[in-house]
Amino acid sequence: MSVRTRLAWHFLLQTLALVAAVIVFAVAATLLYLNRTPTNGLTVARAADRLLSGAPAATAVAGDRVRVAAPTLAAVRRQGGWLQVLDRTGRVIYAYRAPAGLPGHYTPGELVYARLDPGQFGYAVYTWFATVHGQSLTWVFGAPKAALTSGRSRWFYLGLVGGIALLVAGAGLVFGWRLGTPLLHMLAWLEGMAEGRYDEPPRRKPGPATSQVYAPVLDTLRRTAEALRGAERQRERLETARDEWIAGVSHDLRTPLSSVKGYADLLAAPDHAWSEADVRRFGAEIGRRVTVRPPSSTR
């Protein structure tokens, strides 16, 4: 498998792992959000239904006097809401924690409108109808409008986005370290070879998967470094042999040239007149000391 194919598969698998991690994180965060403890519209409606469904059994009517059991009132208080009991005409005959400004009489349309539009009273309104001791009563439970949405939902979404961003950034750092560290190592090695340092620089292991991806490249660099080191040694041996050869040639040339110069100085001496026989003898000696070998011919 070529290095390009290895890199392509490696990046593909890393990308798929990143996408899978993001999906798992998003699903887990969504499940956590759906099962969070702060109340939302659905949980408030369920709490209101449980409270109102038990209200008829917890309500006692004696003439114009209405009494609601303490556990029901405690549940209303825990929800941060209020409770009203209406007679068959819509007149309020009992109120608990009812804020100022609420009507003292309701028409059926007002109750429907209050249920559909919580902004009318600033509360989410829930109703229940039943007959207690022969009287038709309507229970009206009002929950704060803020309870319809979680007060932490905004922070939850911000945390979700921030968590995904941190996850992607962390994955990018990990991938950059795993894939970039070998590249920086190889670059440092190449720069060292350009300056004549062929030994592999020390490095931190990026991991077995990355090492397998870059293993052919690292092996090629090692072979290249060994070849360059061998070439450097060969060049040094050649330079040493050249210097030795030049030194030998210089020595071989210096000895006869010294003799030639000596006889030339004798012949050029102005205070001595040489005979023809001496000149010939000097010439013969120079010819004997300087021997020119004809180049060998090859066919």
C-alpha atoms as a PDB file:
ATOM      1  CA  MET A   1       0.000   0.000   0.000  1.00  0.00           C
ATOM      2  CA  SER A   2       1.401   3.402  -1.000  1.00  0.00           C
ATOM      3  CA  VAL A   3       2.042   6.191   1.482  1.00  0.00           C
ATOM      4  CA  ARG A   4      -0.639   8.313  -0.155  1.00  0.00           C
ATOM      5  CA  THR A   5      -3.207   5.549   0.320  1.00  0.00           C
ATOM      6  CA  ARG A   6      -2.113   5.047   3.917  1.00  0.00           C
ATOM      7  CA  LEU A   7      -2.485   8.756   4.643  1.00  0.00           C
ATOM      8  CA  ALA A   8      -5.877   8.879   2.942  1.00  0.00           C
ATOM      9  CA  TRP A   9      -7.198   5.959   4.971  1.00  0.00           C
ATOM     10  CA  HIS A  10      -5.694   7.325   8.167  1.00  0.00           C
ATOM     11  CA  PHE A  11      -7.307  10.740   7.746  1.00  0.00           C
ATOM     12  CA  LEU A  12     -10.616   9.116   6.756  1.00  0.00           C
ATOM     13  CA  LEU A  13     -10.678   6.925   9.850  1.00  0.00           C
ATOM     14  CA  GLN A  14      -9.723   9.839  12.093  1.00  0.00           C
ATOM     15  CA  THR A  15     -12.464  11.972  10.583  1.00  0.00           C
ATOM     16  CA  LEU A  16     -15.039   9.233  11.029  1.00  0.00           C
ATOM     17  CA  ALA A  17     -13.947   8.812  14.648  1.00  0.00           C
ATOM     18  CA  LEU A  18     -14.324  12.558  15.202  1.00  0.00           C
ATOM     19  CA  VAL A  19     -17.801  12.593  13.665  1.00  0.00           C
ATOM     20  CA  ALA A  20     -18.835   9.578  15.750  1.00  0.00           C
ATOM     21  CA  ALA A  21     -17.554  11.244  18.917  1.00  0.00           C
ATOM     22  CA  VAL A  22     -19.482  14.424  18.122  1.00  0.00           C
ATOM     23  CA  ILE A  23     -22.659  12.425  17.450  1.00  0.00           C
ATOM     24  CA  VAL A  24     -22.308  10.483  20.711  1.00  0.00           C
ATOM     25  CA  PHE A  25     -21.690  13.700  22.633  1.00  0.00           C
ATOM     26  CA  ALA A  26     -24.697  15.418  21.033  1.00  0.00           C
ATOM     27  CA  VAL A  27     -26.997  12.431  21.695  1.00  0.00           C
ATOM     28  CA  ALA A  28     -25.842  12.169  25.307  1.00  0.00           C
ATOM     29  CA  ALA A  29     -26.318  15.891  25.830  1.00  0.00           C
ATOM     30  CA  THR A  30     -29.775  15.737  24.268  1.00  0.00           C
ATOM     31  CA  LEU A  31     -30.813  12.840  26.485  1.00  0.00           C
ATOM     32  CA  LEU A  32     -29.452  14.676  29.488  1.00  0.00           C
ATOM     33  CA  TYR A  33     -31.393  17.759  28.492  1.00  0.00           C
ATOM     34  CA  LEU A  34     -34.604  15.836  28.017  1.00  0.00           C
ATOM     35  CA  ASN A  35     -34.238  14.222  31.424  1.00  0.00           C
ATOM     36  CA  ARG A  36     -32.970  17.286  33.305  1.00  0.00           C
ATOM     37  CA  THR A  37     -34.505  18.147  36.663  1.00  0.00           C
ATOM     38  CA  PRO A  38     -35.565  21.784  36.051  1.00  0.00           C
ATOM     39  CA  THR A  39     -39.216  22.035  35.082  1.00  0.00           C
ATOM     40  CA  ASN A  40     -40.386  22.809  31.593  1.00  0.00           C
ATOM     41  CA  GLY A  41     -43.775  23.132  30.014  1.00  0.00           C
ATOM     42  CA  LEU A  42     -44.376  19.393  29.843  1.00  0.00           C
ATOM     43  CA  THR A  43     -43.413  18.685  33.447  1.00  0.00           C
ATOM     44  CA  VAL A  44     -45.468  21.652  34.703  1.00  0.00           C
ATOM     45  CA  ALA A  45     -48.520  20.361  32.831  1.00  0.00           C
ATOM     46  CA  ARG A  46     -48.031  16.900  34.298  1.00  0.00           C
ATOM     47  CA  ALA A  47     -47.610  18.331  37.803  1.00  0.00           C
ATOM     48  CA  ALA A  48     -50.732  20.450  37.320  1.00  0.00           C
ATOM     49  CA  ASP A  49     -52.720  17.431  36.141  1.00  0.00           C
ATOM     50  CA  ARG A  50     -51.613  15.392  39.139  1.00  0.00           C
ATOM     51  CA  LEU A  51     -52.425  18.241  41.504  1.00  0.00           C
ATOM     52  CA  LEU A  52     -55.829  19.033  39.993  1.00  0.00           C
ATOM     53  CA  SER A  53     -56.866  15.403  39.557  1.00  0.00           C
ATOM     54  CA  GLY A  54     -56.471  14.940  43.296  1.00  0.00           C
ATOM     55  CA  ALA A  55     -58.054  18.288  44.197  1.00  0.00           C
ATOM     56  CA  PRO A  56     -61.694  17.085  44.257  1.00  0.00           C
ATOM     57  CA  ALA A  57     -60.863  14.418  46.837  1.00  0.00           C
ATOM     58  CA  ALA A  58     -58.899  16.975  48.856  1.00  0.00           C
ATOM     59  CA  THR A  59     -61.687  19.579  48.788  1.00  0.00           C
ATOM     60  CA  ALA A  60     -64.469  19.720  51.350  1.00  0.00           C
ATOM     61  CA  VAL A  61     -67.570  21.910  50.879  1.00  0.00           C
ATOM     62  CA  ALA A  62     -69.917  22.906  53.707  1.00  0.00           C
ATOM     63  CA  GLY A  63     -72.437  25.474  52.565  1.00  0.00           C
ATOM     64  CA  ASP A  64     -70.425  28.448  51.371  1.00  0.00           C
ATOM     65  CA  ARG A  65     -67.291  27.272  53.128  1.00  0.00           C
ATOM     66  CA  VAL A  66     -64.614  25.498  51.085  1.00  0.00           C
ATOM     67  CA  ARG A  67     -61.593  23.802  52.566  1.00  0.00           C
ATOM     68  CA  VAL A  68     -58.701  22.252  50.651  1.00  0.00           C
ATOM     69  CA  ALA A  69     -56.479  19.672  52.294  1.00  0.00           C
ATOM     70  CA  ALA A  70     -53.029  20.768  53.415  1.00  0.00           C
ATOM     71  CA  PRO A  71     -51.048  18.345  51.146  1.00  0.00           C
ATOM     72  CA  THR A  72     -52.691  19.869  48.069  1.00  0.00           C
ATOM     73  CA  LEU A  73     -51.884  23.370  49.280  1.00  0.00           C
ATOM     74  CA  ALA A  74     -48.305  22.291  49.952  1.00  0.00           C
ATOM     75  CA  ALA A  75     -48.066  21.003  46.374  1.00  0.00           C
ATOM     76  CA  VAL A  76     -49.346  24.356  45.077  1.00  0.00           C
ATOM     77  CA  ARG A  77     -46.757  26.114  47.178  1.00  0.00           C
ATOM     78  CA  ARG A  78     -43.957  23.871  45.921  1.00  0.00           C
ATOM     79  CA  GLN A  79     -44.915  24.682  42.351  1.00  0.00           C
ATOM     80  CA  GLY A  80     -44.768  28.377  43.150  1.00  0.00           C
ATOM     81  CA  GLY A  81     -48.332  28.818  41.898  1.00  0.00           C
ATOM     82  CA  TRP A  82     -51.782  29.596  43.187  1.00  0.00           C
ATOM     83  CA  LEU A  83     -55.167  27.917  43.420  1.00  0.00           C
ATOM     84  CA  GLN A  84     -58.727  29.111  43.011  1.00  0.00           C
ATOM     85  CA  VAL A  85     -62.010  27.212  43.321  1.00  0.00           C
ATOM     86  CA  LEU A  86     -64.995  28.409  41.266  1.00  0.00           C
ATOM     87  CA  ASP A  87     -68.646  27.571  41.717  1.00  0.00           C
ATOM     88  CA  ARG A  88     -70.968  26.619  38.890  1.00  0.00           C
ATOM     89  CA  THR A  89     -71.357  30.274  37.857  1.00  0.00           C
ATOM     90  CA  GLY A  90     -67.609  30.955  37.673  1.00  0.00           C
ATOM     91  CA  ARG A  91     -67.460  32.917  40.920  1.00  0.00           C
ATOM     92  CA  VAL A  92     -64.315  32.462  43.016  1.00  0.00           C
ATOM     93  CA  ILE A  93     -65.342  30.868  46.305  1.00  0.00           C
ATOM     94  CA  TYR A  94     -61.839  29.870  47.481  1.00  0.00           C
ATOM     95  CA  ALA A  95     -58.371  31.229  46.797  1.00  0.00           C
ATOM     96  CA  TYR A  96     -54.930  30.234  47.970  1.00  0.00           C
ATOM     97  CA  ARG A  97     -51.882  32.393  47.264  1.00  0.00           C
ATOM     98  CA  ALA A  98     -53.846  34.166  44.528  1.00  0.00           C
ATOM     99  CA  PRO A  99     -51.961  37.299  43.454  1.00  0.00           C
ATOM    100  CA  ALA A 100     -53.677  40.654  43.312  1.00  0.00           C
ATOM    101  CA  GLY A 101     -55.329  41.504  40.034  1.00  0.00           C
ATOM    102  CA  LEU A 102     -56.848  38.123  39.335  1.00  0.00           C
ATOM    103  CA  PRO A 103     -60.539  38.134  38.417  1.00  0.00           C
ATOM    104  CA  GLY A 104     -63.081  37.269  41.060  1.00  0.00           C
ATOM    105  CA  HIS A 105     -65.362  35.772  38.416  1.00  0.00           C
ATOM    106  CA  TYR A 106     -64.544  33.839  35.265  1.00  0.00           C
ATOM    107  CA  THR A 107     -66.485  33.021  32.163  1.00  0.00           C
ATOM    108  CA  PRO A 108     -65.775  29.797  30.314  1.00  0.00           C
ATOM    109  CA  GLY A 109     -64.215  31.808  27.476  1.00  0.00           C
ATOM    110  CA  GLU A 110     -61.836  33.541  29.858  1.00  0.00           C
ATOM    111  CA  LEU A 111     -60.591  30.244  31.206  1.00  0.00           C
ATOM    112  CA  VAL A 112     -60.023  28.907  27.709  1.00  0.00           C
ATOM    113  CA  TYR A 113     -58.258  32.113  26.702  1.00  0.00           C
ATOM    114  CA  ALA A 114     -56.115  32.068  29.857  1.00  0.00           C
ATOM    115  CA  ARG A 115     -55.116  28.494  29.091  1.00  0.00           C
ATOM    116  CA  LEU A 116     -54.141  29.324  25.517  1.00  0.00           C
ATOM    117  CA  ASP A 117     -52.473  32.645  26.311  1.00  0.00           C
ATOM    118  CA  PRO A 118     -50.440  32.526  29.550  1.00  0.00           C
ATOM    119  CA  GLY A 119     -49.490  36.165  29.062  1.00  0.00           C
ATOM    120  CA  GLN A 120     -52.993  37.306  29.974  1.00  0.00           C
ATOM    121  CA  PHE A 121     -52.374  36.851  33.689  1.00  0.00           C
ATOM    122  CA  GLY A 122     -48.665  36.222  33.571  1.00  0.00           C
ATOM    123  CA  TYR A 123     -49.323  32.623  34.612  1.00  0.00           C
ATOM    124  CA  ALA A 124     -49.830  29.281  32.927  1.00  0.00           C
ATOM    125  CA  VAL A 125     -53.449  28.400  33.807  1.00  0.00           C
ATOM    126  CA  TYR A 126     -54.734  24.828  34.189  1.00  0.00           C
ATOM    127  CA  THR A 127     -58.330  23.854  35.071  1.00  0.00           C
ATOM    128  CA  TRP A 128     -60.198  20.843  36.411  1.00  0.00           C
ATOM    129  CA  PHE A 129     -63.934  20.261  36.721  1.00  0.00           C
ATOM    130  CA  ALA A 130     -65.687  17.896  39.125  1.00  0.00           C
ATOM    131  CA  THR A 131     -68.713  17.605  41.431  1.00  0.00           C
ATOM    132  CA  VAL A 132     -68.166  17.653  45.192  1.00  0.00           C
ATOM    133  CA  HIS A 133     -71.063  17.083  47.565  1.00  0.00           C
ATOM    134  CA  GLY A 134     -73.538  17.806  44.786  1.00  0.00           C
ATOM    135  CA  GLN A 135     -71.854  21.090  43.792  1.00  0.00           C
ATOM    136  CA  SER A 136     -70.178  21.613  40.420  1.00  0.00           C
ATOM    137  CA  LEU A 137     -66.780  23.116  41.052  1.00  0.00           C
ATOM    138  CA  THR A 138     -63.925  24.229  38.883  1.00  0.00           C
ATOM    139  CA  TRP A 139     -60.358  24.283  40.156  1.00  0.00           C
ATOM    140  CA  VAL A 140     -58.003  26.798  38.575  1.00  0.00           C
ATOM    141  CA  PHE A 141     -54.278  26.309  39.111  1.00  0.00           C
ATOM    142  CA  GLY A 142     -51.863  28.976  38.012  1.00  0.00           C
ATOM    143  CA  ALA A 143     -48.137  28.272  37.569  1.00  0.00           C
ATOM    144  CA  PRO A 144     -45.530  30.979  36.913  1.00  0.00           C
ATOM    145  CA  LYS A 145     -44.991  31.544  33.223  1.00  0.00           C
ATOM    146  CA  ALA A 146     -41.248  31.172  33.767  1.00  0.00           C
ATOM    147  CA  ALA A 147     -41.845  27.532  34.690  1.00  0.00           C
ATOM    148  CA  LEU A 148     -42.886  26.770  31.116  1.00  0.00           C
ATOM    149  CA  THR A 149     -39.282  26.968  29.984  1.00  0.00           C
ATOM    150  CA  SER A 150     -36.194  25.883  31.787  1.00  0.00           C
ATOM    151  CA  GLY A 151     -34.195  28.704  33.265  1.00  0.00           C
ATOM    152  CA  ARG A 152     -31.061  26.816  32.347  1.00  0.00           C
ATOM    153  CA  SER A 153     -31.926  25.923  28.772  1.00  0.00           C
ATOM    154  CA  ARG A 154     -29.943  28.815  27.347  1.00  0.00           C
ATOM    155  CA  TRP A 155     -26.909  27.848  29.346  1.00  0.00           C
ATOM    156  CA  PHE A 156     -27.454  24.259  28.373  1.00  0.00           C
ATOM    157  CA  TYR A 157     -27.321  25.063  24.680  1.00  0.00           C
ATOM    158  CA  LEU A 158     -24.322  27.307  25.203  1.00  0.00           C
ATOM    159  CA  GLY A 159     -22.644  24.504  27.101  1.00  0.00           C
ATOM    160  CA  LEU A 160     -23.569  22.050  24.371  1.00  0.00           C
ATOM    161  CA  VAL A 161     -22.084  24.249  21.652  1.00  0.00           C
ATOM    162  CA  GLY A 162     -19.046  24.985  23.795  1.00  0.00           C
ATOM    163  CA  GLY A 163     -18.566  21.306  24.554  1.00  0.00           C
ATOM    164  CA  ILE A 164     -18.720  20.387  20.865  1.00  0.00           C
ATOM    165  CA  ALA A 165     -16.286  23.199  20.061  1.00  0.00           C
ATOM    166  CA  LEU A 166     -13.902  22.006  22.766  1.00  0.00           C
ATOM    167  CA  LEU A 167     -14.250  18.445  21.535  1.00  0.00           C
ATOM    168  CA  VAL A 168     -13.461  19.406  17.947  1.00  0.00           C
ATOM    169  CA  ALA A 169     -10.594  21.661  19.057  1.00  0.00           C
ATOM    170  CA  GLY A 170      -9.187  18.917  21.275  1.00  0.00           C
ATOM    171  CA  ALA A 171      -9.491  16.393  18.473  1.00  0.00           C
ATOM    172  CA  GLY A 172      -7.740  18.845  16.140  1.00  0.00           C
ATOM    173  CA  LEU A 173      -4.894  19.237  18.614  1.00  0.00           C
ATOM    174  CA  VAL A 174      -4.594  15.483  19.021  1.00  0.00           C
ATOM    175  CA  PHE A 175      -4.663  14.869  15.266  1.00  0.00           C
ATOM    176  CA  GLY A 176      -2.201  17.706  14.725  1.00  0.00           C
ATOM    177  CA  TRP A 177       0.158  16.232  17.282  1.00  0.00           C
ATOM    178  CA  ARG A 178      -0.185  12.701  15.953  1.00  0.00           C
ATOM    179  CA  LEU A 179       0.164  13.646  12.297  1.00  0.00           C
ATOM    180  CA  GLY A 180       2.212  16.847  12.503  1.00  0.00           C
ATOM    181  CA  THR A 181       4.924  15.646  14.891  1.00  0.00           C
ATOM    182  CA  PRO A 182       6.323  13.074  12.418  1.00  0.00           C
ATOM    183  CA  LEU A 183       6.288  15.691   9.645  1.00  0.00           C
ATOM    184  CA  LEU A 184       8.222  18.153  11.803  1.00  0.00           C
ATOM    185  CA  HIS A 185      10.615  15.366  12.751  1.00  0.00           C
ATOM    186  CA  MET A 186      11.247  14.474   9.113  1.00  0.00           C
ATOM    187  CA  LEU A 187      11.699  18.141   8.217  1.00  0.00           C
ATOM    188  CA  ALA A 188      14.295  18.543  10.971  1.00  0.00           C
ATOM    189  CA  TRP A 189      16.039  15.425   9.721  1.00  0.00           C
ATOM    190  CA  LEU A 190      16.150  16.760   6.147  1.00  0.00           C
ATOM    191  CA  GLU A 191      17.506  20.099   7.341  1.00  0.00           C
ATOM    192  CA  GLY A 192      20.174  18.255   9.312  1.00  0.00           C
ATOM    193  CA  MET A 193      21.162  16.206   6.265  1.00  0.00           C
ATOM    194  CA  ALA A 194      21.444  19.414   4.251  1.00  0.00           C
ATOM    195  CA  GLU A 195      23.967  20.635   6.836  1.00  0.00           C
ATOM    196  CA  GLY A 196      25.890  17.369   6.921  1.00  0.00           C
ATOM    197  CA  ARG A 197      24.266  15.792   9.995  1.00  0.00           C
ATOM    198  CA  TYR A 198      22.963  12.403   8.933  1.00  0.00           C
ATOM    199  CA  ASP A 199      21.975  10.931  12.284  1.00  0.00           C
ATOM    200  CA  GLU A 200      18.233  10.849  13.021  1.00  0.00           C
ATOM    201  CA  PRO A 201      17.312  13.580  15.522  1.00  0.00           C
ATOM    202  CA  PRO A 202      15.621  12.522  18.759  1.00  0.00           C
ATOM    203  CA  ARG A 203      11.856  12.437  18.577  1.00  0.00           C
ATOM    204  CA  ARG A 204       8.775  11.708  20.668  1.00  0.00           C
ATOM    205  CA  LYS A 205       6.801   8.695  19.560  1.00  0.00           C
ATOM    206  CA  PRO A 206       3.470   9.883  18.082  1.00  0.00           C
ATOM    207  CA  GLY A 207       1.830   6.493  18.480  1.00  0.00           C
ATOM    208  CA  PRO A 208       1.788   3.134  16.697  1.00  0.00           C
ATOM    209  CA  ALA A 209      -0.916   4.079  14.169  1.00  0.00           C
ATOM    210  CA  THR A 210       0.955   7.170  12.995  1.00  0.00           C
ATOM    211  CA  SER A 211       4.289   5.336  13.000  1.00  0.00           C
ATOM    212  CA  GLN A 212       2.800   2.703  10.689  1.00  0.00           C
ATOM    213  CA  VAL A 213       1.560   5.395   8.331  1.00  0.00           C
ATOM    214  CA  TYR A 214       4.933   7.156   8.117  1.00  0.00           C
ATOM    215  CA  ALA A 215       7.077   4.014   8.430  1.00  0.00           C
ATOM    216  CA  PRO A 216       7.935   3.839   4.672  1.00  0.00           C
ATOM    217  CA  VAL A 217       8.911   7.514   4.642  1.00  0.00           C
ATOM    218  CA  LEU A 218      11.105   7.116   7.726  1.00  0.00           C
ATOM    219  CA  ASP A 219      12.754   4.024   6.221  1.00  0.00           C
ATOM    220  CA  THR A 220      13.465   5.949   3.027  1.00  0.00           C
ATOM    221  CA  LEU A 221      15.007   8.778   5.030  1.00  0.00           C
ATOM    222  CA  ARG A 222      17.211   6.316   6.915  1.00  0.00           C
ATOM    223  CA  ARG A 223      18.426   4.751   3.656  1.00  0.00           C
ATOM    224  CA  THR A 224      19.024   8.192   2.194  1.00  0.00           C
ATOM    225  CA  ALA A 225      20.989   9.236   5.274  1.00  0.00           C
ATOM    226  CA  GLU A 226      23.131   6.083   5.073  1.00  0.00           C
ATOM    227  CA  ALA A 227      23.751   6.657   1.350  1.00  0.00           C
ATOM    228  CA  LEU A 228      24.752  10.275   1.968  1.00  0.00           C
ATOM    229  CA  ARG A 229      26.975   9.245   4.877  1.00  0.00           C
ATOM    230  CA  GLY A 230      28.657   6.653   2.629  1.00  0.00           C
ATOM    231  CA  ALA A 231      29.108   9.212  -0.122  1.00  0.00           C
ATOM    232  CA  GLU A 232      30.631  11.618   2.398  1.00  0.00           C
ATOM    233  CA  ARG A 233      33.103   8.980   3.545  1.00  0.00           C
ATOM    234  CA  GLN A 234      33.970   8.120  -0.060  1.00  0.00           C
ATOM    235  CA  ARG A 235      34.556  11.791  -0.814  1.00  0.00           C
ATOM    236  CA  GLU A 236      36.841  12.104   2.197  1.00  0.00           C
ATOM    237  CA  ARG A 237      38.821   9.047   1.060  1.00  0.00           C
ATOM    238  CA  LEU A 238      39.118  10.481  -2.439  1.00  0.00           C
ATOM    239  CA  GLU A 239      40.311  13.822  -1.098  1.00  0.00           C
ATOM    240  CA  THR A 240      42.887  12.076   1.092  1.00  0.00           C
ATOM    241  CA  ALA A 241      44.141  10.009  -1.879  1.00  0.00           C
ATOM    242  CA  ARG A 242      44.308  13.136  -4.051  1.00  0.00           C
ATOM    243  CA  ASP A 243      46.324  15.007  -1.456  1.00  0.00           C
ATOM    244  CA  GLU A 244      48.710  12.072  -1.112  1.00  0.00           C
ATOM    245  CA  TRP A 245      49.058  11.810  -4.899  1.00  0.00           C
ATOM    246  CA  ILE A 246      49.728  15.529  -5.277  1.00  0.00           C
ATOM    247  CA  ALA A 247      52.302  15.348  -2.468  1.00  0.00           C
ATOM    248  CA  GLY A 248      54.042  12.419  -4.193  1.00  0.00           C
ATOM    249  CA  VAL A 249      54.025  14.145  -7.606  1.00  0.00           C
ATOM    250  CA  SER A 250      55.364  17.316  -6.065  1.00  0.00           C
ATOM    251  CA  HIS A 251      58.182  15.371  -4.421  1.00  0.00           C
ATOM    252  CA  ASP A 252      58.992  13.583  -7.689  1.00  0.00           C
ATOM    253  CA  LEU A 253      59.128  16.893  -9.555  1.00  0.00           C
ATOM    254  CA  ARG A 254      60.963  18.818  -6.882  1.00  0.00           C
ATOM    255  CA  THR A 255      64.087  16.537  -6.849  1.00  0.00           C
ATOM    256  CA  PRO A 256      65.025  16.797 -10.577  1.00  0.00           C
ATOM    257  CA  LEU A 257      64.061  20.422 -10.761  1.00  0.00           C
ATOM    258  CA  SER A 258      66.423  21.177  -7.883  1.00  0.00           C
ATOM    259  CA  SER A 259      69.256  19.571  -9.839  1.00  0.00           C
ATOM    260  CA  VAL A 260      68.320  21.454 -13.001  1.00  0.00           C
ATOM    261  CA  LYS A 261      68.216  24.720 -11.093  1.00  0.00           C
ATOM    262  CA  GLY A 262      71.625  23.962  -9.542  1.00  0.00           C
ATOM    263  CA  TYR A 263      73.306  23.338 -12.900  1.00  0.00           C
ATOM    264  CA  ALA A 264      71.520  26.373 -14.375  1.00  0.00           C
ATOM    265  CA  ASP A 265      72.934  28.522 -11.600  1.00  0.00           C
ATOM    266  CA  LEU A 266      76.434  27.145 -12.295  1.00  0.00           C
ATOM    267  CA  LEU A 267      76.147  27.858 -15.994  1.00  0.00           C
ATOM    268  CA  ALA A 268      74.819  31.362 -15.335  1.00  0.00           C
ATOM    269  CA  ALA A 269      77.565  32.266 -12.842  1.00  0.00           C
ATOM    270  CA  PRO A 270      79.275  35.456 -14.196  1.00  0.00           C
ATOM    271  CA  ASP A 271      82.581  34.910 -12.383  1.00  0.00           C
ATOM    272  CA  HIS A 272      83.400  31.612 -14.010  1.00  0.00           C
ATOM    273  CA  ALA A 273      83.917  30.627 -17.616  1.00  0.00           C
ATOM    274  CA  TRP A 274      83.009  27.088 -18.428  1.00  0.00           C
ATOM    275  CA  SER A 275      84.582  25.086 -21.141  1.00  0.00           C
ATOM    276  CA  GLU A 276      82.622  23.400 -23.866  1.00  0.00           C
ATOM    277  CA  ALA A 277      83.301  20.057 -22.275  1.00  0.00           C
ATOM    278  CA  ASP A 278      81.903  21.240 -18.930  1.00  0.00           C
ATOM    279  CA  VAL A 279      78.774  22.580 -20.608  1.00  0.00           C
ATOM    280  CA  ARG A 280      78.213  19.253 -22.338  1.00  0.00           C
ATOM    281  CA  ARG A 281      78.842  17.382 -19.112  1.00  0.00           C
ATOM    282  CA  PHE A 282      76.318  19.597 -17.318  1.00  0.00           C
ATOM    283  CA  GLY A 283      73.776  19.049 -20.080  1.00  0.00           C
ATOM    284  CA  ALA A 284      74.233  15.295 -19.958  1.00  0.00           C
ATOM    285  CA  GLU A 285      73.761  15.310 -16.210  1.00  0.00           C
ATOM    286  CA  ILE A 286      70.576  17.379 -16.548  1.00  0.00           C
ATOM    287  CA  GLY A 287      69.267  15.010 -19.212  1.00  0.00           C
ATOM    288  CA  ARG A 288      70.017  12.039 -16.990  1.00  0.00           C
ATOM    289  CA  ARG A 289      68.195  13.508 -14.016  1.00  0.00           C
ATOM    290  CA  VAL A 290      65.178  14.697 -15.989  1.00  0.00           C
ATOM    291  CA  THR A 291      63.673  11.782 -17.862  1.00  0.00           C
ATOM    292  CA  VAL A 292      60.421  12.379 -19.758  1.00  0.00           C
ATOM    293  CA  ARG A 293      58.431   9.217 -20.228  1.00  0.00           C
ATOM    294  CA  PRO A 294      56.341   9.178 -23.387  1.00  0.00           C
ATOM    295  CA  PRO A 295      52.639   8.601 -22.783  1.00  0.00           C
ATOM    296  CA  SER A 296      51.576   5.042 -23.304  1.00  0.00           C
ATOM    297  CA  SER A 297      49.270   4.548 -26.291  1.00  0.00           C
ATOM    298  CA  THR A 298      46.323   2.276 -26.068  1.00  0.00           C
ATOM    299  CA  ARG A 299      44.352   0.862 -28.892  1.00  0.00           C
END
